[in-house]
Amino acid sequence: GHEIGLRSQLGRGSVFWVSVPLAQAAASMAPVVQTQQQEALQQDAPLQGASAWCIDESAEASAALAALLQRWGCSVPLAGNAQAALEALKIAAPQQTPQQAPHLLLLGAHAAAAPVQDLYQRLCQAWGGRPQTILVGDEHDAALRRLAADRGWGFLRTPVRPAALRALASQML
């Protein structure tokens, strides 16, 4: 029911057009936009209320990952390097009960896989559990990719794209 038209000149080109009333279009789009927003919230539901630790030797990287996760509804009790993570565990050690493991663990790995495995084992021992884990590292490091695959961890290459992190974290949780 909309008016359409065509204007053409040989050797110069053609113009096709359609006339659509804007007021009706805006009114009909509102429910679609609300539905899309509700779907986005439902897709993020696994992240709402989840807890995560972000461990990376780069303070900027761990802070950036933590900020993204917090924006999506996660609590991030720890965003720091390996030493900060181990110190947080020592503080809880006098209680002689395992600390609550986070739902998600993001481990930055910029070198060999051995230090990451050692840190992971120490964390899991202190927590008494094994959280879902995403290894963040260089795509070209075959040892890191293999480690992640062997352990059933997710793997994201640096620099981390927010959409990829959200999708993987949601899938894992």
N, C-alpha and C. Protein backbone atom coordinates (compact mmCIF):
# COMPACT_ATOMS: atom_id res chain seq x y z
N GLY A 1 0.80 -1.21 0.00
CA GLY A 1 0.00 0.00 0.00
C GLY A 1 0.84 1.27 0.00
N HIS A 2 2.17 1.15 -0.08
CA HIS A 2 3.02 2.34 -0.09
C HIS A 2 3.28 2.76 -1.52
N GLU A 3 3.46 4.06 -1.71
CA GLU A 3 3.75 4.59 -3.03
C GLU A 3 5.21 4.27 -3.39
N ILE A 4 5.40 3.75 -4.61
CA ILE A 4 6.74 3.44 -5.09
C ILE A 4 6.95 4.12 -6.43
N GLY A 5 8.22 4.26 -6.83
CA GLY A 5 8.49 4.91 -8.10
C GLY A 5 9.86 4.55 -8.64
N LEU A 6 10.06 4.93 -9.90
CA LEU A 6 11.30 4.67 -10.61
C LEU A 6 11.58 5.86 -11.51
N ARG A 7 12.82 6.28 -11.52
CA ARG A 7 13.26 7.34 -12.42
C ARG A 7 14.56 6.85 -13.04
N SER A 8 14.64 6.84 -14.35
CA SER A 8 15.81 6.30 -15.02
C SER A 8 16.18 7.15 -16.22
N GLN A 9 17.48 7.29 -16.43
CA GLN A 9 17.99 7.98 -17.62
C GLN A 9 19.03 7.08 -18.25
N LEU A 10 18.86 6.82 -19.53
CA LEU A 10 19.77 5.95 -20.25
C LEU A 10 21.20 6.48 -20.16
N GLY A 11 22.12 5.59 -19.75
CA GLY A 11 23.53 5.96 -19.64
C GLY A 11 23.88 6.73 -18.39
N ARG A 12 22.89 7.10 -17.55
CA ARG A 12 23.17 7.89 -16.34
C ARG A 12 22.84 7.13 -15.07
N GLY A 13 21.86 6.23 -15.13
CA GLY A 13 21.51 5.47 -13.94
C GLY A 13 20.04 5.51 -13.63
N SER A 14 19.67 4.82 -12.57
CA SER A 14 18.27 4.70 -12.16
C SER A 14 18.12 4.98 -10.67
N VAL A 15 16.96 5.48 -10.31
CA VAL A 15 16.62 5.73 -8.92
C VAL A 15 15.29 5.05 -8.63
N PHE A 16 15.29 4.18 -7.62
CA PHE A 16 14.06 3.56 -7.15
C PHE A 16 13.72 4.20 -5.82
N TRP A 17 12.42 4.42 -5.55
CA TRP A 17 12.04 5.03 -4.28
C TRP A 17 10.74 4.44 -3.77
N VAL A 18 10.57 4.54 -2.45
CA VAL A 18 9.35 4.13 -1.78
C VAL A 18 9.02 5.17 -0.72
N SER A 19 7.75 5.50 -0.58
CA SER A 19 7.30 6.49 0.40
C SER A 19 6.65 5.74 1.56
N VAL A 20 7.23 5.90 2.78
CA VAL A 20 6.74 5.21 3.97
C VAL A 20 6.44 6.26 5.03
N PRO A 21 5.23 6.26 5.58
CA PRO A 21 4.91 7.23 6.63
C PRO A 21 5.74 6.96 7.89
N LEU A 22 6.45 7.97 8.38
CA LEU A 22 7.36 7.80 9.53
C LEU A 22 6.63 7.57 10.84
N ALA A 23 5.52 8.23 11.08
CA ALA A 23 4.83 8.08 12.35
C ALA A 23 4.37 6.65 12.57
N GLN A 24 3.86 6.01 11.58
CA GLN A 24 3.42 4.63 11.72
C GLN A 24 4.62 3.69 11.88
N ALA A 25 5.69 3.97 11.18
CA ALA A 25 6.87 3.11 11.28
C ALA A 25 7.46 3.16 12.68
N ALA A 26 7.54 4.35 13.28
CA ALA A 26 8.11 4.47 14.62
C ALA A 26 7.25 3.76 15.65
N ALA A 27 5.93 3.86 15.52
CA ALA A 27 5.04 3.21 16.46
C ALA A 27 5.13 1.69 16.35
N SER A 28 5.28 1.19 15.16
CA SER A 28 5.34 -0.26 15.00
C SER A 28 6.70 -0.82 15.38
N MET A 29 7.75 -0.01 15.44
CA MET A 29 9.08 -0.49 15.77
C MET A 29 9.28 -0.64 17.28
N ALA A 30 8.52 0.10 18.10
CA ALA A 30 8.71 0.08 19.55
C ALA A 30 8.62 -1.33 20.13
N PRO A 31 7.60 -2.13 19.79
CA PRO A 31 7.56 -3.49 20.35
C PRO A 31 8.74 -4.35 19.90
N VAL A 32 9.22 -4.15 18.68
CA VAL A 32 10.34 -4.92 18.18
C VAL A 32 11.60 -4.59 18.98
N VAL A 33 11.84 -3.30 19.24
CA VAL A 33 13.00 -2.88 20.01
C VAL A 33 12.93 -3.44 21.43
N GLN A 34 11.74 -3.37 22.07
CA GLN A 34 11.59 -3.90 23.42
C GLN A 34 11.84 -5.41 23.44
N THR A 35 11.34 -6.11 22.44
CA THR A 35 11.55 -7.55 22.36
C THR A 35 13.03 -7.87 22.21
N GLN A 36 13.75 -7.10 21.38
CA GLN A 36 15.17 -7.33 21.20
C GLN A 36 15.93 -7.08 22.50
N GLN A 37 15.54 -6.06 23.25
CA GLN A 37 16.20 -5.77 24.53
C GLN A 37 15.93 -6.89 25.53
N GLN A 38 14.70 -7.41 25.57
CA GLN A 38 14.38 -8.51 26.48
C GLN A 38 15.16 -9.76 26.11
N GLU A 39 15.30 -10.03 24.80
CA GLU A 39 16.07 -11.20 24.36
C GLU A 39 17.53 -11.05 24.76
N ALA A 40 18.08 -9.84 24.64
CA ALA A 40 19.47 -9.61 25.02
C ALA A 40 19.67 -9.87 26.52
N LEU A 41 18.70 -9.42 27.34
CA LEU A 41 18.80 -9.66 28.78
C LEU A 41 18.72 -11.15 29.10
N GLN A 42 17.85 -11.87 28.39
CA GLN A 42 17.73 -13.30 28.62
C GLN A 42 19.01 -14.03 28.20
N GLN A 43 19.63 -13.57 27.12
CA GLN A 43 20.88 -14.19 26.68
C GLN A 43 21.98 -13.97 27.71
N ASP A 44 21.95 -12.84 28.40
CA ASP A 44 22.95 -12.54 29.42
C ASP A 44 22.61 -13.16 30.77
N ALA A 45 21.45 -13.80 30.88
CA ALA A 45 21.01 -14.33 32.16
C ALA A 45 22.06 -15.21 32.82
N PRO A 46 22.81 -16.04 32.10
CA PRO A 46 23.82 -16.84 32.78
C PRO A 46 24.89 -15.99 33.46
N LEU A 47 25.08 -14.77 33.00
CA LEU A 47 26.10 -13.91 33.58
C LEU A 47 25.58 -13.14 34.80
N GLN A 48 24.27 -12.94 34.87
CA GLN A 48 23.68 -12.19 35.98
C GLN A 48 23.91 -12.95 37.28
N GLY A 49 24.56 -12.30 38.23
CA GLY A 49 24.78 -12.89 39.53
C GLY A 49 25.93 -13.88 39.62
N ALA A 50 26.58 -14.16 38.51
CA ALA A 50 27.74 -15.07 38.54
C ALA A 50 28.95 -14.33 39.12
N SER A 51 29.88 -15.10 39.64
CA SER A 51 31.12 -14.49 40.13
C SER A 51 32.28 -14.95 39.25
N ALA A 52 33.26 -14.09 39.11
CA ALA A 52 34.40 -14.39 38.25
C ALA A 52 35.67 -13.79 38.84
N TRP A 53 36.76 -14.51 38.64
CA TRP A 53 38.09 -13.99 38.94
C TRP A 53 38.79 -13.76 37.61
N CYS A 54 39.42 -12.60 37.47
CA CYS A 54 40.19 -12.28 36.27
C CYS A 54 41.65 -12.16 36.68
N ILE A 55 42.47 -13.07 36.17
CA ILE A 55 43.89 -13.10 36.56
C ILE A 55 44.73 -12.93 35.30
N ASP A 56 45.50 -11.87 35.28
CA ASP A 56 46.39 -11.58 34.15
C ASP A 56 47.55 -10.76 34.68
N GLU A 57 48.73 -11.01 34.16
CA GLU A 57 49.90 -10.26 34.61
C GLU A 57 49.82 -8.78 34.21
N SER A 58 49.02 -8.48 33.23
CA SER A 58 48.79 -7.10 32.82
C SER A 58 47.62 -6.55 33.63
N ALA A 59 47.89 -5.53 34.45
CA ALA A 59 46.84 -4.93 35.26
C ALA A 59 45.73 -4.35 34.39
N GLU A 60 46.11 -3.78 33.25
CA GLU A 60 45.12 -3.20 32.34
C GLU A 60 44.21 -4.28 31.77
N ALA A 61 44.79 -5.42 31.41
CA ALA A 61 43.99 -6.51 30.84
C ALA A 61 43.01 -7.06 31.85
N SER A 62 43.47 -7.32 33.07
CA SER A 62 42.56 -7.88 34.08
C SER A 62 41.47 -6.87 34.43
N ALA A 63 41.80 -5.58 34.49
CA ALA A 63 40.80 -4.56 34.79
C ALA A 63 39.77 -4.45 33.66
N ALA A 64 40.23 -4.55 32.44
CA ALA A 64 39.31 -4.45 31.29
C ALA A 64 38.36 -5.64 31.26
N LEU A 65 38.88 -6.85 31.49
CA LEU A 65 38.02 -8.04 31.52
C LEU A 65 37.00 -7.92 32.66
N ALA A 66 37.46 -7.47 33.82
CA ALA A 66 36.57 -7.32 34.97
C ALA A 66 35.47 -6.31 34.68
N ALA A 67 35.82 -5.20 34.04
CA ALA A 67 34.83 -4.17 33.73
C ALA A 67 33.75 -4.72 32.80
N LEU A 68 34.14 -5.50 31.81
CA LEU A 68 33.16 -6.09 30.90
C LEU A 68 32.23 -7.04 31.65
N LEU A 69 32.80 -7.91 32.45
CA LEU A 69 31.98 -8.87 33.19
C LEU A 69 31.03 -8.17 34.16
N GLN A 70 31.51 -7.13 34.81
CA GLN A 70 30.65 -6.38 35.73
C GLN A 70 29.51 -5.69 34.99
N ARG A 71 29.79 -5.20 33.81
CA ARG A 71 28.75 -4.56 33.00
C ARG A 71 27.64 -5.56 32.67
N TRP A 72 27.98 -6.84 32.57
CA TRP A 72 27.01 -7.87 32.21
C TRP A 72 26.40 -8.54 33.44
N GLY A 73 26.67 -8.00 34.63
CA GLY A 73 26.02 -8.49 35.84
C GLY A 73 26.83 -9.44 36.69
N CYS A 74 28.08 -9.68 36.37
CA CYS A 74 28.94 -10.55 37.18
C CYS A 74 29.55 -9.76 38.33
N SER A 75 29.78 -10.45 39.43
CA SER A 75 30.62 -9.85 40.46
C SER A 75 32.04 -10.34 40.22
N VAL A 76 32.99 -9.46 40.42
CA VAL A 76 34.39 -9.81 40.18
C VAL A 76 35.17 -9.49 41.45
N PRO A 77 35.24 -10.46 42.38
CA PRO A 77 35.95 -10.21 43.63
C PRO A 77 37.44 -10.02 43.47
N LEU A 78 38.01 -10.55 42.38
CA LEU A 78 39.45 -10.39 42.17
C LEU A 78 39.74 -10.12 40.71
N ALA A 79 40.45 -9.04 40.47
CA ALA A 79 40.97 -8.72 39.14
C ALA A 79 42.40 -8.26 39.35
N GLY A 80 43.33 -9.13 39.08
CA GLY A 80 44.72 -8.80 39.31
C GLY A 80 45.64 -9.86 38.73
N ASN A 81 46.86 -9.87 39.23
CA ASN A 81 47.84 -10.83 38.72
C ASN A 81 47.84 -12.09 39.59
N ALA A 82 48.69 -13.04 39.24
CA ALA A 82 48.76 -14.31 39.96
C ALA A 82 49.12 -14.11 41.42
N GLN A 83 50.04 -13.19 41.70
CA GLN A 83 50.45 -12.94 43.08
C GLN A 83 49.25 -12.44 43.91
N ALA A 84 48.45 -11.54 43.35
CA ALA A 84 47.28 -11.04 44.06
C ALA A 84 46.29 -12.17 44.34
N ALA A 85 46.14 -13.08 43.37
CA ALA A 85 45.23 -14.22 43.56
C ALA A 85 45.71 -15.12 44.69
N LEU A 86 47.00 -15.41 44.71
CA LEU A 86 47.55 -16.28 45.75
C LEU A 86 47.48 -15.61 47.12
N GLU A 87 47.68 -14.30 47.16
CA GLU A 87 47.57 -13.58 48.43
C GLU A 87 46.13 -13.60 48.93
N ALA A 88 45.16 -13.49 48.02
CA ALA A 88 43.75 -13.57 48.42
C ALA A 88 43.43 -14.93 49.02
N LEU A 89 44.06 -15.96 48.51
CA LEU A 89 43.86 -17.30 49.07
C LEU A 89 44.50 -17.44 50.45
N LYS A 90 45.67 -16.82 50.65
CA LYS A 90 46.36 -16.89 51.94
C LYS A 90 45.54 -16.21 53.03
N ILE A 91 44.85 -15.15 52.67
CA ILE A 91 44.01 -14.44 53.66
C ILE A 91 42.91 -15.36 54.16
N ALA A 92 42.37 -16.18 53.27
CA ALA A 92 41.30 -17.09 53.66
C ALA A 92 41.82 -18.37 54.31
N ALA A 93 43.11 -18.66 54.19
CA ALA A 93 43.67 -19.93 54.67
C ALA A 93 43.43 -20.20 56.16
N PRO A 94 43.52 -19.21 57.05
CA PRO A 94 43.32 -19.52 58.47
C PRO A 94 41.95 -20.11 58.78
N GLN A 95 40.99 -19.93 57.92
CA GLN A 95 39.65 -20.47 58.17
C GLN A 95 39.63 -21.99 58.06
N GLN A 96 40.62 -22.58 57.38
CA GLN A 96 40.73 -24.03 57.20
C GLN A 96 39.52 -24.64 56.49
N THR A 97 38.74 -23.84 55.83
CA THR A 97 37.64 -24.35 55.00
C THR A 97 37.86 -23.82 53.60
N PRO A 98 37.51 -24.61 52.61
CA PRO A 98 37.71 -24.14 51.24
C PRO A 98 36.91 -22.87 50.96
N GLN A 99 37.55 -21.96 50.25
CA GLN A 99 36.86 -20.76 49.81
C GLN A 99 35.85 -21.14 48.75
N GLN A 100 34.83 -20.33 48.61
CA GLN A 100 33.85 -20.55 47.55
C GLN A 100 34.51 -20.28 46.21
N ALA A 101 34.46 -21.24 45.32
CA ALA A 101 35.03 -21.07 43.98
C ALA A 101 34.14 -20.13 43.17
N PRO A 102 34.73 -19.28 42.36
CA PRO A 102 33.90 -18.46 41.48
C PRO A 102 33.27 -19.35 40.41
N HIS A 103 32.26 -18.83 39.76
CA HIS A 103 31.62 -19.57 38.67
C HIS A 103 32.53 -19.62 37.44
N LEU A 104 33.32 -18.56 37.27
CA LEU A 104 34.12 -18.41 36.06
C LEU A 104 35.51 -17.90 36.43
N LEU A 105 36.51 -18.47 35.78
CA LEU A 105 37.90 -18.06 35.99
C LEU A 105 38.49 -17.68 34.64
N LEU A 106 38.96 -16.46 34.51
CA LEU A 106 39.66 -16.02 33.30
C LEU A 106 41.14 -15.95 33.62
N LEU A 107 41.93 -16.74 32.90
CA LEU A 107 43.36 -16.81 33.12
C LEU A 107 44.09 -16.26 31.90
N GLY A 108 44.86 -15.21 32.11
CA GLY A 108 45.70 -14.68 31.04
C GLY A 108 47.00 -15.45 30.99
N ALA A 109 47.39 -15.86 29.82
CA ALA A 109 48.64 -16.61 29.66
C ALA A 109 49.43 -15.99 28.53
N HIS A 110 50.59 -15.47 28.86
CA HIS A 110 51.39 -14.78 27.85
C HIS A 110 52.71 -15.49 27.60
N ALA A 111 52.91 -16.60 28.22
CA ALA A 111 54.17 -17.33 28.03
C ALA A 111 53.87 -18.83 28.04
N ALA A 112 54.71 -19.59 28.66
CA ALA A 112 54.55 -21.06 28.69
C ALA A 112 53.30 -21.45 29.47
N ALA A 113 52.83 -22.64 29.18
CA ALA A 113 51.61 -23.13 29.80
C ALA A 113 51.83 -23.60 31.24
N ALA A 114 53.04 -23.98 31.61
CA ALA A 114 53.31 -24.54 32.93
C ALA A 114 52.89 -23.61 34.08
N PRO A 115 53.25 -22.32 34.09
CA PRO A 115 52.83 -21.47 35.20
C PRO A 115 51.31 -21.37 35.32
N VAL A 116 50.60 -21.40 34.21
CA VAL A 116 49.14 -21.32 34.23
C VAL A 116 48.57 -22.58 34.88
N GLN A 117 49.12 -23.73 34.54
CA GLN A 117 48.63 -24.98 35.12
C GLN A 117 48.88 -25.03 36.63
N ASP A 118 50.06 -24.57 37.05
CA ASP A 118 50.39 -24.56 38.47
C ASP A 118 49.44 -23.64 39.23
N LEU A 119 49.22 -22.45 38.72
CA LEU A 119 48.31 -21.50 39.36
C LEU A 119 46.91 -22.08 39.44
N TYR A 120 46.44 -22.66 38.36
CA TYR A 120 45.10 -23.25 38.32
C TYR A 120 44.96 -24.34 39.39
N GLN A 121 45.96 -25.21 39.51
CA GLN A 121 45.91 -26.28 40.51
C GLN A 121 45.85 -25.71 41.92
N ARG A 122 46.64 -24.70 42.19
CA ARG A 122 46.66 -24.11 43.53
C ARG A 122 45.33 -23.45 43.86
N LEU A 123 44.75 -22.77 42.88
CA LEU A 123 43.45 -22.13 43.09
C LEU A 123 42.37 -23.17 43.36
N CYS A 124 42.31 -24.20 42.54
CA CYS A 124 41.29 -25.24 42.69
C CYS A 124 41.41 -25.97 44.02
N GLN A 125 42.65 -26.19 44.45
CA GLN A 125 42.87 -26.84 45.74
C GLN A 125 42.32 -25.97 46.87
N ALA A 126 42.57 -24.68 46.81
CA ALA A 126 42.08 -23.78 47.85
C ALA A 126 40.56 -23.66 47.82
N TRP A 127 39.99 -23.71 46.63
CA TRP A 127 38.53 -23.57 46.50
C TRP A 127 37.81 -24.87 46.79
N GLY A 128 38.48 -25.98 46.58
CA GLY A 128 37.79 -27.25 46.71
C GLY A 128 36.84 -27.51 45.55
N GLY A 129 37.10 -26.86 44.43
CA GLY A 129 36.25 -27.03 43.25
C GLY A 129 36.94 -26.51 42.01
N ARG A 130 36.36 -26.78 40.88
CA ARG A 130 36.95 -26.36 39.60
C ARG A 130 35.94 -25.51 38.83
N PRO A 131 36.16 -24.21 38.78
CA PRO A 131 35.23 -23.35 38.05
C PRO A 131 35.40 -23.49 36.54
N GLN A 132 34.41 -23.05 35.81
CA GLN A 132 34.53 -22.94 34.36
C GLN A 132 35.69 -21.99 34.09
N THR A 133 36.54 -22.32 33.13
CA THR A 133 37.76 -21.55 32.92
C THR A 133 37.90 -21.15 31.46
N ILE A 134 38.31 -19.90 31.27
CA ILE A 134 38.63 -19.39 29.95
C ILE A 134 40.08 -18.95 29.96
N LEU A 135 40.86 -19.52 29.07
CA LEU A 135 42.27 -19.16 28.93
C LEU A 135 42.37 -18.07 27.88
N VAL A 136 43.04 -16.99 28.21
CA VAL A 136 43.21 -15.87 27.29
C VAL A 136 44.68 -15.81 26.91
N GLY A 137 44.98 -15.96 25.63
CA GLY A 137 46.38 -15.99 25.22
C GLY A 137 46.56 -15.71 23.75
N ASP A 138 47.79 -15.85 23.33
CA ASP A 138 48.16 -15.61 21.94
C ASP A 138 47.66 -16.75 21.07
N GLU A 139 46.96 -16.41 20.02
CA GLU A 139 46.39 -17.40 19.10
C GLU A 139 47.46 -18.30 18.51
N HIS A 140 48.66 -17.80 18.34
CA HIS A 140 49.73 -18.54 17.68
C HIS A 140 50.47 -19.49 18.62
N ASP A 141 50.15 -19.47 19.90
CA ASP A 141 50.81 -20.35 20.86
C ASP A 141 50.05 -21.67 20.90
N ALA A 142 50.55 -22.66 20.19
CA ALA A 142 49.88 -23.96 20.08
C ALA A 142 49.79 -24.66 21.43
N ALA A 143 50.79 -24.47 22.30
CA ALA A 143 50.77 -25.12 23.61
C ALA A 143 49.59 -24.63 24.45
N LEU A 144 49.31 -23.33 24.40
CA LEU A 144 48.19 -22.79 25.17
C LEU A 144 46.85 -23.28 24.61
N ARG A 145 46.74 -23.29 23.30
CA ARG A 145 45.49 -23.78 22.68
C ARG A 145 45.28 -25.25 23.02
N ARG A 146 46.34 -26.02 22.99
CA ARG A 146 46.25 -27.45 23.31
C ARG A 146 45.89 -27.64 24.79
N LEU A 147 46.50 -26.85 25.67
CA LEU A 147 46.19 -26.92 27.10
C LEU A 147 44.69 -26.67 27.33
N ALA A 148 44.18 -25.61 26.72
CA ALA A 148 42.76 -25.28 26.87
C ALA A 148 41.88 -26.42 26.36
N ALA A 149 42.21 -26.96 25.21
CA ALA A 149 41.42 -28.05 24.63
C ALA A 149 41.48 -29.30 25.50
N ASP A 150 42.67 -29.65 25.99
CA ASP A 150 42.83 -30.85 26.82
C ASP A 150 42.07 -30.76 28.14
N ARG A 151 41.99 -29.57 28.68
CA ARG A 151 41.33 -29.38 29.98
C ARG A 151 39.84 -29.06 29.86
N GLY A 152 39.36 -28.85 28.66
CA GLY A 152 37.96 -28.49 28.48
C GLY A 152 37.68 -27.03 28.80
N TRP A 153 38.72 -26.21 28.73
CA TRP A 153 38.58 -24.78 28.97
C TRP A 153 38.21 -24.08 27.67
N GLY A 154 37.63 -22.90 27.82
CA GLY A 154 37.44 -22.04 26.67
C GLY A 154 38.76 -21.36 26.35
N PHE A 155 38.89 -20.87 25.13
CA PHE A 155 40.10 -20.15 24.75
C PHE A 155 39.70 -18.91 23.96
N LEU A 156 40.25 -17.78 24.35
CA LEU A 156 40.07 -16.53 23.62
C LEU A 156 41.44 -15.96 23.30
N ARG A 157 41.58 -15.49 22.10
CA ARG A 157 42.86 -14.90 21.72
C ARG A 157 42.88 -13.42 22.08
N THR A 158 44.07 -12.94 22.33
CA THR A 158 44.25 -11.52 22.63
C THR A 158 44.43 -10.77 21.32
N PRO A 159 43.92 -9.56 21.23
CA PRO A 159 43.06 -8.87 22.21
C PRO A 159 41.66 -9.48 22.21
N VAL A 160 41.06 -9.53 23.38
CA VAL A 160 39.75 -10.15 23.55
C VAL A 160 38.67 -9.21 23.01
N ARG A 161 37.83 -9.77 22.16
CA ARG A 161 36.67 -9.01 21.66
C ARG A 161 35.52 -9.19 22.66
N PRO A 162 34.89 -8.10 23.10
CA PRO A 162 33.81 -8.21 24.09
C PRO A 162 32.71 -9.18 23.68
N ALA A 163 32.29 -9.14 22.43
CA ALA A 163 31.21 -10.04 22.00
C ALA A 163 31.64 -11.50 22.12
N ALA A 164 32.88 -11.80 21.81
CA ALA A 164 33.37 -13.18 21.93
C ALA A 164 33.42 -13.61 23.39
N LEU A 165 33.85 -12.72 24.27
CA LEU A 165 33.89 -13.03 25.70
C LEU A 165 32.49 -13.29 26.23
N ARG A 166 31.57 -12.43 25.90
CA ARG A 166 30.18 -12.58 26.40
C ARG A 166 29.59 -13.89 25.89
N ALA A 167 29.79 -14.19 24.61
CA ALA A 167 29.22 -15.42 24.04
C ALA A 167 29.80 -16.66 24.71
N LEU A 168 31.12 -16.69 24.86
CA LEU A 168 31.77 -17.86 25.44
C LEU A 168 31.41 -18.02 26.92
N ALA A 169 31.45 -16.92 27.66
CA ALA A 169 31.11 -16.98 29.10
C ALA A 169 29.66 -17.42 29.29
N SER A 170 28.76 -16.89 28.49
CA SER A 170 27.35 -17.29 28.58
C SER A 170 27.17 -18.76 28.28
N GLN A 171 27.87 -19.23 27.26
CA GLN A 171 27.78 -20.64 26.87
C GLN A 171 28.31 -21.54 27.98
N MET A 172 29.41 -21.14 28.58
CA MET A 172 30.03 -21.97 29.62
C MET A 172 29.22 -22.00 30.91
N LEU A 173 28.54 -20.89 31.21
CA LEU A 173 27.76 -20.83 32.44
C LEU A 173 26.35 -21.32 32.22
